[in-house]
Structure formats: C-alpha cells, structure tokens
Amino acid sequence: MSCVCSAVVALLLGPTCTQGAMASPCPAPDPPYLPQSPGDMRAYADLLRADFEGYFADVQAYFPLPR
C-alpha cells in the first residue's frame, strides 16, 4: 500500500482504531551515490543519469502535487 493510501486509511479509521495503530511516516528517498572523481562521473554517466532520474521520480511520488 502506498504511503498516501496508508495516510488516508489512517485518517478515515483513526477515530475507530486504538491510539497506537496510526500509520508510520514514509521515509524520504535516498539520494543516489555520486562519485568524487570527475573521471568516474564520466565513466558511469549513463548509470548516474538513470539513478538520478529514478530519484527524481521517487521524490515526486514522495511529494505528490495537488490535483
């Protein structure tokens, strides 16, 4: 279940559940590893690009935009 769904369920069922049954907070996505060496950055540019694209997608899911 996604974090948003968990939060909605917790809000809807909160008054009927016991006090300790609330949903736990969602952890923020971890930023991707970034090598210190410019040579390593060039060598692994495709992997780093894919990692950052996935990270930004996860951050957008973590902070959903209002519709």
N, C-alpha and C. Protein backbone atom coordinates (compact mmCIF):
# COMPACT_ATOMS: atom_id res chain seq x y z
N MET A 1 0.86 -1.17 0.00
CA MET A 1 0.00 0.00 0.00
C MET A 1 0.90 1.23 0.00
N SER A 2 0.58 2.22 -0.82
CA SER A 2 1.42 3.41 -0.88
C SER A 2 1.25 4.23 0.39
N CYS A 3 2.18 5.15 0.58
CA CYS A 3 2.15 6.00 1.77
C CYS A 3 0.90 6.86 1.79
N VAL A 4 0.49 7.35 0.62
CA VAL A 4 -0.70 8.20 0.55
C VAL A 4 -1.93 7.39 0.97
N CYS A 5 -2.03 6.17 0.45
CA CYS A 5 -3.16 5.31 0.81
C CYS A 5 -3.14 4.99 2.30
N SER A 6 -1.98 4.74 2.85
CA SER A 6 -1.87 4.46 4.28
C SER A 6 -2.34 5.65 5.09
N ALA A 7 -1.96 6.84 4.65
CA ALA A 7 -2.36 8.04 5.38
C ALA A 7 -3.87 8.24 5.31
N VAL A 8 -4.45 8.01 4.15
CA VAL A 8 -5.91 8.16 4.01
C VAL A 8 -6.63 7.14 4.89
N VAL A 9 -6.18 5.90 4.87
CA VAL A 9 -6.80 4.86 5.70
C VAL A 9 -6.66 5.23 7.18
N ALA A 10 -5.50 5.72 7.57
CA ALA A 10 -5.29 6.10 8.97
C ALA A 10 -6.21 7.26 9.36
N LEU A 11 -6.40 8.22 8.46
CA LEU A 11 -7.28 9.34 8.77
C LEU A 11 -8.74 8.90 8.86
N LEU A 12 -9.13 7.99 7.97
CA LEU A 12 -10.52 7.53 7.98
C LEU A 12 -10.81 6.61 9.16
N LEU A 13 -9.86 5.76 9.51
CA LEU A 13 -10.08 4.80 10.58
C LEU A 13 -9.54 5.25 11.92
N GLY A 14 -8.85 6.38 11.93
CA GLY A 14 -8.23 6.87 13.15
C GLY A 14 -9.14 6.91 14.35
N PRO A 15 -10.33 7.50 14.23
CA PRO A 15 -11.21 7.56 15.40
C PRO A 15 -11.67 6.19 15.89
N THR A 16 -11.70 5.18 15.02
CA THR A 16 -12.18 3.87 15.44
C THR A 16 -11.06 2.95 15.88
N CYS A 17 -9.82 3.29 15.57
CA CYS A 17 -8.67 2.44 15.93
C CYS A 17 -8.13 2.84 17.29
N THR A 18 -7.33 1.95 17.84
CA THR A 18 -6.68 2.28 19.10
C THR A 18 -5.63 3.35 18.84
N GLN A 19 -5.18 3.97 19.87
CA GLN A 19 -4.28 5.10 19.73
C GLN A 19 -2.95 4.70 19.09
N GLY A 20 -2.43 3.51 19.30
CA GLY A 20 -1.14 3.11 18.76
C GLY A 20 -1.18 2.55 17.36
N ALA A 21 -2.32 2.56 16.70
CA ALA A 21 -2.45 1.93 15.39
C ALA A 21 -2.32 2.89 14.23
N MET A 22 -1.77 4.07 14.43
CA MET A 22 -1.65 5.03 13.35
C MET A 22 -0.51 4.62 12.41
N ALA A 23 -0.59 5.06 11.17
CA ALA A 23 0.42 4.72 10.17
C ALA A 23 1.74 5.41 10.50
N SER A 24 2.82 4.75 10.15
CA SER A 24 4.13 5.35 10.36
C SER A 24 4.46 6.27 9.19
N PRO A 25 5.33 7.25 9.40
CA PRO A 25 5.67 8.17 8.31
C PRO A 25 6.47 7.46 7.22
N CYS A 26 6.37 7.98 6.02
CA CYS A 26 7.10 7.41 4.88
C CYS A 26 8.53 7.95 4.89
N PRO A 27 9.51 7.10 4.72
CA PRO A 27 10.89 7.60 4.66
C PRO A 27 11.13 8.29 3.32
N ALA A 28 11.89 9.36 3.35
CA ALA A 28 12.24 10.06 2.12
C ALA A 28 13.18 9.19 1.29
N PRO A 29 13.13 9.32 -0.04
CA PRO A 29 14.04 8.54 -0.88
C PRO A 29 15.49 8.93 -0.63
N ASP A 30 16.37 7.96 -0.68
CA ASP A 30 17.80 8.22 -0.51
C ASP A 30 18.37 8.80 -1.80
N PRO A 31 19.19 9.85 -1.70
CA PRO A 31 19.81 10.39 -2.91
C PRO A 31 20.80 9.38 -3.49
N PRO A 32 20.97 9.37 -4.79
CA PRO A 32 21.91 8.41 -5.40
C PRO A 32 23.36 8.74 -5.04
N TYR A 33 24.18 7.72 -5.13
CA TYR A 33 25.62 7.88 -4.88
C TYR A 33 26.22 8.70 -6.01
N LEU A 34 27.07 9.64 -5.67
CA LEU A 34 27.76 10.46 -6.65
C LEU A 34 29.25 10.34 -6.43
N PRO A 35 29.99 9.77 -7.40
CA PRO A 35 31.44 9.62 -7.22
C PRO A 35 32.14 10.97 -7.10
N GLN A 36 33.26 10.98 -6.41
CA GLN A 36 34.02 12.22 -6.23
C GLN A 36 34.92 12.53 -7.43
N SER A 37 35.32 11.53 -8.13
CA SER A 37 36.24 11.70 -9.26
C SER A 37 35.49 12.08 -10.53
N PRO A 38 35.92 13.15 -11.20
CA PRO A 38 35.29 13.51 -12.47
C PRO A 38 35.43 12.40 -13.52
N GLY A 39 36.52 11.66 -13.47
CA GLY A 39 36.70 10.55 -14.40
C GLY A 39 35.67 9.46 -14.17
N ASP A 40 35.39 9.16 -12.90
CA ASP A 40 34.36 8.17 -12.59
C ASP A 40 32.98 8.67 -13.01
N MET A 41 32.75 9.97 -12.85
CA MET A 41 31.46 10.52 -13.28
C MET A 41 31.26 10.35 -14.78
N ARG A 42 32.32 10.59 -15.54
CA ARG A 42 32.22 10.41 -16.99
C ARG A 42 32.06 8.93 -17.35
N ALA A 43 32.79 8.08 -16.65
CA ALA A 43 32.75 6.65 -16.96
C ALA A 43 31.38 6.04 -16.66
N TYR A 44 30.74 6.52 -15.62
CA TYR A 44 29.46 5.96 -15.20
C TYR A 44 28.29 6.93 -15.44
N ALA A 45 28.43 7.82 -16.41
CA ALA A 45 27.42 8.85 -16.66
C ALA A 45 26.04 8.25 -16.93
N ASP A 46 25.96 7.17 -17.71
CA ASP A 46 24.66 6.57 -18.01
C ASP A 46 24.00 6.01 -16.76
N LEU A 47 24.77 5.33 -15.92
CA LEU A 47 24.22 4.78 -14.68
C LEU A 47 23.79 5.89 -13.72
N LEU A 48 24.62 6.92 -13.61
CA LEU A 48 24.30 8.03 -12.72
C LEU A 48 23.03 8.76 -13.20
N ARG A 49 22.93 8.95 -14.51
CA ARG A 49 21.76 9.61 -15.07
C ARG A 49 20.49 8.81 -14.74
N ALA A 50 20.55 7.51 -14.93
CA ALA A 50 19.40 6.65 -14.64
C ALA A 50 19.06 6.68 -13.14
N ASP A 51 20.09 6.66 -12.28
CA ASP A 51 19.85 6.73 -10.84
C ASP A 51 19.17 8.04 -10.45
N PHE A 52 19.63 9.16 -11.03
CA PHE A 52 19.03 10.45 -10.69
C PHE A 52 17.62 10.59 -11.26
N GLU A 53 17.36 10.04 -12.43
CA GLU A 53 16.00 10.07 -12.98
C GLU A 53 15.05 9.28 -12.07
N GLY A 54 15.50 8.13 -11.60
CA GLY A 54 14.69 7.35 -10.66
C GLY A 54 14.50 8.08 -9.34
N TYR A 55 15.55 8.74 -8.88
CA TYR A 55 15.46 9.51 -7.63
C TYR A 55 14.44 10.64 -7.75
N PHE A 56 14.49 11.38 -8.85
CA PHE A 56 13.55 12.49 -9.03
C PHE A 56 12.11 11.97 -9.17
N ALA A 57 11.94 10.84 -9.79
CA ALA A 57 10.60 10.23 -9.88
C ALA A 57 10.11 9.84 -8.49
N ASP A 58 11.00 9.28 -7.67
CA ASP A 58 10.62 8.90 -6.30
C ASP A 58 10.30 10.13 -5.45
N VAL A 59 11.07 11.21 -5.63
CA VAL A 59 10.81 12.43 -4.87
C VAL A 59 9.45 13.02 -5.27
N GLN A 60 9.11 12.97 -6.55
CA GLN A 60 7.82 13.48 -6.99
C GLN A 60 6.69 12.63 -6.41
N ALA A 61 6.91 11.34 -6.27
CA ALA A 61 5.89 10.48 -5.63
C ALA A 61 5.83 10.75 -4.13
N TYR A 62 6.96 11.11 -3.53
CA TYR A 62 7.01 11.39 -2.09
C TYR A 62 6.28 12.69 -1.77
N PHE A 63 6.40 13.67 -2.66
CA PHE A 63 5.71 14.96 -2.51
C PHE A 63 4.72 15.11 -3.66
N PRO A 64 3.58 14.43 -3.58
CA PRO A 64 2.63 14.49 -4.70
C PRO A 64 2.07 15.90 -4.86
N LEU A 65 1.88 16.30 -6.12
CA LEU A 65 1.30 17.60 -6.41
C LEU A 65 -0.22 17.53 -6.25
N PRO A 66 -0.82 18.59 -5.72
CA PRO A 66 -2.29 18.58 -5.60
C PRO A 66 -2.92 18.59 -6.98
N ARG A 67 -4.02 17.94 -7.10
CA ARG A 67 -4.71 17.88 -8.39
C ARG A 67 -5.86 18.82 -8.43
